[in-house]
C-alpha atoms as a PDB file:
ATOM      1  CA  UNK A   1      -6.940  29.508 -23.134  1.00  0.00           C
ATOM      2  CA  UNK A   2      -3.298  29.297 -22.182  1.00  0.00           C
ATOM      3  CA  UNK A   3      -2.114  25.942 -20.899  1.00  0.00           C
ATOM      4  CA  UNK A   4      -1.948  25.704 -17.104  1.00  0.00           C
ATOM      5  CA  UNK A   5       1.649  26.006 -15.876  1.00  0.00           C
ATOM      6  CA  UNK A   6       1.269  23.612 -12.961  1.00  0.00           C
ATOM      7  CA  UNK A   7      -2.090  21.825 -13.258  1.00  0.00           C
ATOM      8  CA  UNK A   8      -3.646  20.239 -10.183  1.00  0.00           C
ATOM      9  CA  UNK A   9      -6.418  17.685 -10.661  1.00  0.00           C
ATOM     10  CA  UNK A  10      -9.480  18.855  -8.729  1.00  0.00           C
ATOM     11  CA  UNK A  11     -12.323  16.670  -9.985  1.00  0.00           C
ATOM     12  CA  UNK A  12     -13.533  14.099 -12.479  1.00  0.00           C
ATOM     13  CA  UNK A  13     -16.932  14.417 -14.140  1.00  0.00           C
ATOM     14  CA  UNK A  14     -19.157  11.347 -14.051  1.00  0.00           C
ATOM     15  CA  UNK A  15     -22.605  10.565 -15.367  1.00  0.00           C
ATOM     16  CA  UNK A  16     -25.331  13.060 -16.210  1.00  0.00           C
ATOM     17  CA  UNK A  17     -27.886  13.771 -13.472  1.00  0.00           C
ATOM     18  CA  UNK A  18     -31.392  14.624 -14.574  1.00  0.00           C
ATOM     19  CA  UNK A  19     -32.409  16.587 -17.668  1.00  0.00           C
ATOM     20  CA  UNK A  20     -31.145  20.138 -16.925  1.00  0.00           C
ATOM     21  CA  UNK A  21     -27.466  19.515 -17.726  1.00  0.00           C
ATOM     22  CA  UNK A  22     -26.308  18.618 -14.234  1.00  0.00           C
ATOM     23  CA  UNK A  23     -23.493  16.103 -13.782  1.00  0.00           C
ATOM     24  CA  UNK A  24     -22.199  13.926 -10.978  1.00  0.00           C
ATOM     25  CA  UNK A  25     -18.674  15.019 -10.048  1.00  0.00           C
ATOM     26  CA  UNK A  26     -16.063  13.297  -7.904  1.00  0.00           C
ATOM     27  CA  UNK A  27     -14.240  16.154  -6.158  1.00  0.00           C
ATOM     28  CA  UNK A  28     -10.736  15.711  -4.736  1.00  0.00           C
ATOM     29  CA  UNK A  29     -11.046  18.595  -2.279  1.00  0.00           C
ATOM     30  CA  UNK A  30     -11.299  18.021   1.483  1.00  0.00           C
ATOM     31  CA  UNK A  31     -14.751  19.629   1.365  1.00  0.00           C
ATOM     32  CA  UNK A  32     -16.397  18.579  -1.919  1.00  0.00           C
ATOM     33  CA  UNK A  33     -18.682  21.618  -1.858  1.00  0.00           C
ATOM     34  CA  UNK A  34     -15.602  23.880  -1.886  1.00  0.00           C
ATOM     35  CA  UNK A  35     -14.831  22.821  -5.465  1.00  0.00           C
ATOM     36  CA  UNK A  36     -16.210  26.104  -6.751  1.00  0.00           C
ATOM     37  CA  UNK A  37     -14.109  28.212  -4.366  1.00  0.00           C
ATOM     38  CA  UNK A  38     -10.940  27.899  -6.467  1.00  0.00           C
ATOM     39  CA  UNK A  39     -12.199  29.725  -9.553  1.00  0.00           C
ATOM     40  CA  UNK A  40     -12.871  28.300 -12.985  1.00  0.00           C
ATOM     41  CA  UNK A  41     -11.900  24.726 -13.731  1.00  0.00           C
ATOM     42  CA  UNK A  42     -10.004  23.739 -16.877  1.00  0.00           C
ATOM     43  CA  UNK A  43      -9.896  20.601 -19.016  1.00  0.00           C
ATOM     44  CA  UNK A  44      -6.781  19.440 -20.852  1.00  0.00           C
ATOM     45  CA  UNK A  45      -8.381  20.310 -24.200  1.00  0.00           C
ATOM     46  CA  UNK A  46      -8.531  24.004 -23.221  1.00  0.00           C
ATOM     47  CA  UNK A  47     -12.177  24.347 -22.167  1.00  0.00           C
ATOM     48  CA  UNK A  48     -13.059  26.421 -19.110  1.00  0.00           C
ATOM     49  CA  UNK A  49     -15.842  25.416 -16.722  1.00  0.00           C
ATOM     50  CA  UNK A  50     -17.630  27.791 -14.379  1.00  0.00           C
ATOM     51  CA  UNK A  51     -19.720  26.249 -11.605  1.00  0.00           C
ATOM     52  CA  UNK A  52     -23.196  27.797 -11.353  1.00  0.00           C
ATOM     53  CA  UNK A  53     -24.691  25.420  -8.786  1.00  0.00           C
ATOM     54  CA  UNK A  54     -23.267  22.694  -6.576  1.00  0.00           C
ATOM     55  CA  UNK A  55     -24.919  20.409  -4.059  1.00  0.00           C
ATOM     56  CA  UNK A  56     -23.849  17.334  -2.157  1.00  0.00           C
ATOM     57  CA  UNK A  57     -24.998  13.797  -2.921  1.00  0.00           C
ATOM     58  CA  UNK A  58     -23.941  10.571  -1.196  1.00  0.00           C
ATOM     59  CA  UNK A  59     -20.403  10.112  -2.550  1.00  0.00           C
ATOM     60  CA  UNK A  60     -20.223  12.916  -5.129  1.00  0.00           C
ATOM     61  CA  UNK A  61     -21.417  16.457  -5.741  1.00  0.00           C
ATOM     62  CA  UNK A  62     -24.019  17.400  -8.318  1.00  0.00           C
ATOM     63  CA  UNK A  63     -22.810  20.325 -10.426  1.00  0.00           C
ATOM     64  CA  UNK A  64     -24.342  22.563 -13.057  1.00  0.00           C
ATOM     65  CA  UNK A  65     -21.797  24.306 -15.278  1.00  0.00           C
ATOM     66  CA  UNK A  66     -22.405  27.461 -17.315  1.00  0.00           C
ATOM     67  CA  UNK A  67     -23.341  26.532 -20.885  1.00  0.00           C
ATOM     68  CA  UNK A  68     -24.254  22.900 -20.115  1.00  0.00           C
ATOM     69  CA  UNK A  69     -28.025  23.079 -20.315  1.00  0.00           C
ATOM     70  CA  UNK A  70     -29.331  19.641 -21.268  1.00  0.00           C
ATOM     71  CA  UNK A  71     -28.696  15.964 -20.699  1.00  0.00           C
ATOM     72  CA  UNK A  72     -26.922  15.426 -24.046  1.00  0.00           C
ATOM     73  CA  UNK A  73     -24.345  18.126 -23.274  1.00  0.00           C
ATOM     74  CA  UNK A  74     -23.908  16.706 -19.774  1.00  0.00           C
ATOM     75  CA  UNK A  75     -23.392  13.149 -21.061  1.00  0.00           C
ATOM     76  CA  UNK A  76     -20.635  14.380 -23.387  1.00  0.00           C
ATOM     77  CA  UNK A  77     -18.586  15.428 -20.331  1.00  0.00           C
ATOM     78  CA  UNK A  78     -18.489  11.959 -18.729  1.00  0.00           C
ATOM     79  CA  UNK A  79     -14.908  11.065 -17.698  1.00  0.00           C
ATOM     80  CA  UNK A  80     -13.512  14.571 -18.189  1.00  0.00           C
ATOM     81  CA  UNK A  81     -10.848  15.623 -15.662  1.00  0.00           C
ATOM     82  CA  UNK A  82     -10.890  19.198 -14.354  1.00  0.00           C
ATOM     83  CA  UNK A  83      -7.836  21.129 -13.188  1.00  0.00           C
ATOM     84  CA  UNK A  84      -6.802  24.455 -11.699  1.00  0.00           C
ATOM     85  CA  UNK A  85      -3.360  26.034 -11.602  1.00  0.00           C
ATOM     86  CA  UNK A  86      -1.295  25.297  -8.486  1.00  0.00           C
ATOM     87  CA  UNK A  87      -1.087  29.055  -7.769  1.00  0.00           C
ATOM     88  CA  UNK A  88      -4.845  29.096  -7.101  1.00  0.00           C
ATOM     89  CA  UNK A  89      -4.460  26.782  -4.099  1.00  0.00           C
ATOM     90  CA  UNK A  90      -4.109  28.590  -0.761  1.00  0.00           C
ATOM     91  CA  UNK A  91      -1.069  27.253   1.161  1.00  0.00           C
ATOM     92  CA  UNK A  92      -2.156  28.771   4.459  1.00  0.00           C
ATOM     93  CA  UNK A  93      -5.080  26.317   4.729  1.00  0.00           C
ATOM     94  CA  UNK A  94      -2.769  23.294   4.989  1.00  0.00           C
ATOM     95  CA  UNK A  95      -1.871  21.691   8.292  1.00  0.00           C
ATOM     96  CA  UNK A  96       1.744  20.779   8.958  1.00  0.00           C
ATOM     97  CA  UNK A  97       1.243  17.181   7.816  1.00  0.00           C
ATOM     98  CA  UNK A  98      -0.886  17.994   4.740  1.00  0.00           C
ATOM     99  CA  UNK A  99       0.379  18.376   1.189  1.00  0.00           C
ATOM    100  CA  UNK A 100      -1.037  18.983  -2.249  1.00  0.00           C
ATOM    101  CA  UNK A 101      -0.381  16.008  -4.503  1.00  0.00           C
ATOM    102  CA  UNK A 102       1.128  18.364  -7.074  1.00  0.00           C
ATOM    103  CA  UNK A 103       3.785  19.418  -4.539  1.00  0.00           C
ATOM    104  CA  UNK A 104       4.907  15.812  -4.027  1.00  0.00           C
ATOM    105  CA  UNK A 105       5.510  15.071  -7.698  1.00  0.00           C
ATOM    106  CA  UNK A 106       9.177  15.381  -8.613  1.00  0.00           C
ATOM    107  CA  UNK A 107      10.487  14.822  -5.078  1.00  0.00           C
ATOM    108  CA  UNK A 108      13.334  12.301  -4.826  1.00  0.00           C
ATOM    109  CA  UNK A 109      12.741   9.281  -2.578  1.00  0.00           C
ATOM    110  CA  UNK A 110      15.820   8.485  -0.472  1.00  0.00           C
ATOM    111  CA  UNK A 111      16.490   6.323   2.563  1.00  0.00           C
ATOM    112  CA  UNK A 112      18.421   7.230   5.733  1.00  0.00           C
ATOM    113  CA  UNK A 113      21.796   6.367   4.183  1.00  0.00           C
ATOM    114  CA  UNK A 114      21.163   8.314   0.981  1.00  0.00           C
ATOM    115  CA  UNK A 115      20.142   5.519  -1.424  1.00  0.00           C
ATOM    116  CA  UNK A 116      17.800   6.862  -4.093  1.00  0.00           C
ATOM    117  CA  UNK A 117      14.679   4.970  -5.176  1.00  0.00           C
ATOM    118  CA  UNK A 118      13.570   7.378  -7.889  1.00  0.00           C
ATOM    119  CA  UNK A 119      11.292  10.393  -8.019  1.00  0.00           C
ATOM    120  CA  UNK A 120       7.623  10.700  -7.175  1.00  0.00           C
ATOM    121  CA  UNK A 121       5.848  10.678 -10.527  1.00  0.00           C
ATOM    122  CA  UNK A 122       2.253  10.370  -9.360  1.00  0.00           C
ATOM    123  CA  UNK A 123      -0.093   9.956  -6.419  1.00  0.00           C
ATOM    124  CA  UNK A 124      -2.934   7.451  -6.654  1.00  0.00           C
ATOM    125  CA  UNK A 125      -5.844   6.309  -4.531  1.00  0.00           C
ATOM    126  CA  UNK A 126      -7.442   3.042  -5.616  1.00  0.00           C
ATOM    127  CA  UNK A 127      -9.618   2.882  -2.504  1.00  0.00           C
ATOM    128  CA  UNK A 128      -7.265   1.356   0.082  1.00  0.00           C
ATOM    129  CA  UNK A 129      -5.176   4.458   0.825  1.00  0.00           C
ATOM    130  CA  UNK A 130      -2.874   6.771  -1.075  1.00  0.00           C
ATOM    131  CA  UNK A 131       0.053   5.362  -3.062  1.00  0.00           C
ATOM    132  CA  UNK A 132       3.110   7.163  -4.399  1.00  0.00           C
ATOM    133  CA  UNK A 133       4.509   6.104  -7.752  1.00  0.00           C
ATOM    134  CA  UNK A 134       8.311   6.215  -7.961  1.00  0.00           C
ATOM    135  CA  UNK A 135      10.188   6.295 -11.272  1.00  0.00           C
ATOM    136  CA  UNK A 136      13.929   6.301 -11.810  1.00  0.00           C
ATOM    137  CA  UNK A 137      16.338   5.849 -14.705  1.00  0.00           C
ATOM    138  CA  UNK A 138      16.485   2.203 -15.738  1.00  0.00           C
ATOM    139  CA  UNK A 139      13.789   1.223 -13.215  1.00  0.00           C
ATOM    140  CA  UNK A 140      10.227   0.151 -13.641  1.00  0.00           C
ATOM    141  CA  UNK A 141       7.646   2.373 -11.897  1.00  0.00           C
ATOM    142  CA  UNK A 142       7.021   1.250  -8.321  1.00  0.00           C
ATOM    143  CA  UNK A 143       4.071   2.004  -6.034  1.00  0.00           C
ATOM    144  CA  UNK A 144       4.692   2.522  -2.319  1.00  0.00           C
ATOM    145  CA  UNK A 145       2.166   3.279   0.426  1.00  0.00           C
ATOM    146  CA  UNK A 146       1.882   6.948   1.362  1.00  0.00           C
ATOM    147  CA  UNK A 147       1.822   6.134   5.069  1.00  0.00           C
ATOM    148  CA  UNK A 148       3.703   7.291   8.154  1.00  0.00           C
ATOM    149  CA  UNK A 149       5.548   3.951   8.293  1.00  0.00           C
ATOM    150  CA  UNK A 150       6.768   4.099   4.677  1.00  0.00           C
ATOM    151  CA  UNK A 151       7.261   7.862   4.236  1.00  0.00           C
ATOM    152  CA  UNK A 152       9.101   9.164   7.280  1.00  0.00           C
ATOM    153  CA  UNK A 153       9.635  12.788   6.243  1.00  0.00           C
ATOM    154  CA  UNK A 154       8.694  15.174   3.461  1.00  0.00           C
ATOM    155  CA  UNK A 155      11.091  18.043   2.790  1.00  0.00           C
ATOM    156  CA  UNK A 156       9.656  20.232   0.030  1.00  0.00           C
ATOM    157  CA  UNK A 157      12.525  22.736   0.237  1.00  0.00           C
ATOM    158  CA  UNK A 158      15.173  20.041  -0.214  1.00  0.00           C
ATOM    159  CA  UNK A 159      13.046  18.334  -2.892  1.00  0.00           C
ATOM    160  CA  UNK A 160      13.038  14.926  -1.250  1.00  0.00           C
ATOM    161  CA  UNK A 161      11.095  12.443   0.827  1.00  0.00           C
ATOM    162  CA  UNK A 162      12.729  10.152   3.373  1.00  0.00           C
ATOM    163  CA  UNK A 163      11.442   6.590   3.057  1.00  0.00           C
ATOM    164  CA  UNK A 164      11.811   3.404   5.053  1.00  0.00           C
ATOM    165  CA  UNK A 165      12.612   1.003   2.205  1.00  0.00           C
ATOM    166  CA  UNK A 166      11.423  -2.066   4.136  1.00  0.00           C
ATOM    167  CA  UNK A 167       8.062  -0.563   5.154  1.00  0.00           C
ATOM    168  CA  UNK A 168       7.655   0.816   1.626  1.00  0.00           C
ATOM    169  CA  UNK A 169       8.268  -2.619   0.119  1.00  0.00           C
ATOM    170  CA  UNK A 170      11.304  -1.413  -1.835  1.00  0.00           C
ATOM    171  CA  UNK A 171      13.681  -4.025  -0.376  1.00  0.00           C
ATOM    172  CA  UNK A 172      13.185  -7.426   1.196  1.00  0.00           C
ATOM    173  CA  UNK A 173      13.298  -7.826   4.936  1.00  0.00           C
ATOM    174  CA  UNK A 174      16.129  -9.959   6.365  1.00  0.00           C
ATOM    175  CA  UNK A 175      13.590 -12.738   7.117  1.00  0.00           C
ATOM    176  CA  UNK A 176      12.754 -12.929   3.412  1.00  0.00           C
ATOM    177  CA  UNK A 177      16.341 -14.107   2.688  1.00  0.00           C
ATOM    178  CA  UNK A 178      16.127 -17.217   4.915  1.00  0.00           C
ATOM    179  CA  UNK A 179      15.829 -20.336   2.749  1.00  0.00           C
ATOM    180  CA  UNK A 180      12.750 -22.454   3.399  1.00  0.00           C
ATOM    181  CA  UNK A 181      13.028 -25.582   5.543  1.00  0.00           C
ATOM    182  CA  UNK A 182      13.866 -28.664   3.423  1.00  0.00           C
ATOM    183  CA  UNK A 183      10.807 -30.749   2.732  1.00  0.00           C
ATOM    184  CA  UNK A 184      10.807 -34.469   3.478  1.00  0.00           C
ATOM    185  CA  UNK A 185      10.437 -37.232   0.936  1.00  0.00           C
ATOM    186  CA  UNK A 186       7.113 -38.839   0.211  1.00  0.00           C
ATOM    187  CA  UNK A 187       5.270 -39.531   3.430  1.00  0.00           C
ATOM    188  CA  UNK A 188       7.256 -36.835   5.287  1.00  0.00           C
ATOM    189  CA  UNK A 189       9.861 -39.247   6.698  1.00  0.00           C
ATOM    190  CA  UNK A 190      13.072 -37.687   5.435  1.00  0.00           C
ATOM    191  CA  UNK A 191      16.162 -38.943   7.260  1.00  0.00           C
ATOM    192  CA  UNK A 192      14.504 -42.031   8.760  1.00  0.00           C
ATOM    193  CA  UNK A 193      15.291 -45.547   7.668  1.00  0.00           C
ATOM    194  CA  UNK A 194      12.418 -47.927   6.980  1.00  0.00           C
ATOM    195  CA  UNK A 195      11.946 -50.546   9.689  1.00  0.00           C
ATOM    196  CA  UNK A 196      13.681 -53.815   9.067  1.00  0.00           C
ATOM    197  CA  UNK A 197      16.269 -52.374   6.665  1.00  0.00           C
ATOM    198  CA  UNK A 198      19.784 -53.731   7.162  1.00  0.00           C
ATOM    199  CA  UNK A 199      22.244 -51.439   8.828  1.00  0.00           C
END
């Protein structure tokens, strides 16, 4: 199989389910049952996976792939990521404020005055909301929230996102620069003379 030109992660295979070769799959599609609507899925090692059956479970879908017929074969797939080519995703289904993660990667993050904070190198979801990873020359990778407060505008044609660097946590707020109040000496009586001390 030829390597995908612009791979988009669609799902990750989890544990085997039952004895017939079914697996638990975490789908990254809006409708998990639509995973099979995009054609065959591909792994990075060149294998192609055709979905024969799919049904919904609590937090995943249960999938049976062609050629995976027993539990041993299913267990060997645990942790495998499945991709399709970006061209197989239908743009017309997206709302105005929706984007494919693959379309965000490579966009430059800039603020309102044109300062650059690097390029989007990945999109992650660790359970508390989406995060964008920014990488730039000579900079360590930085994660910012993919929220309306932090990401003000996405311009795919211009190849950039407009960010609020304070809301994104890229710069300190002015309040963060105020030095802390000086702490008193032992007993919290700084600046007071002990009683009975000579003037």
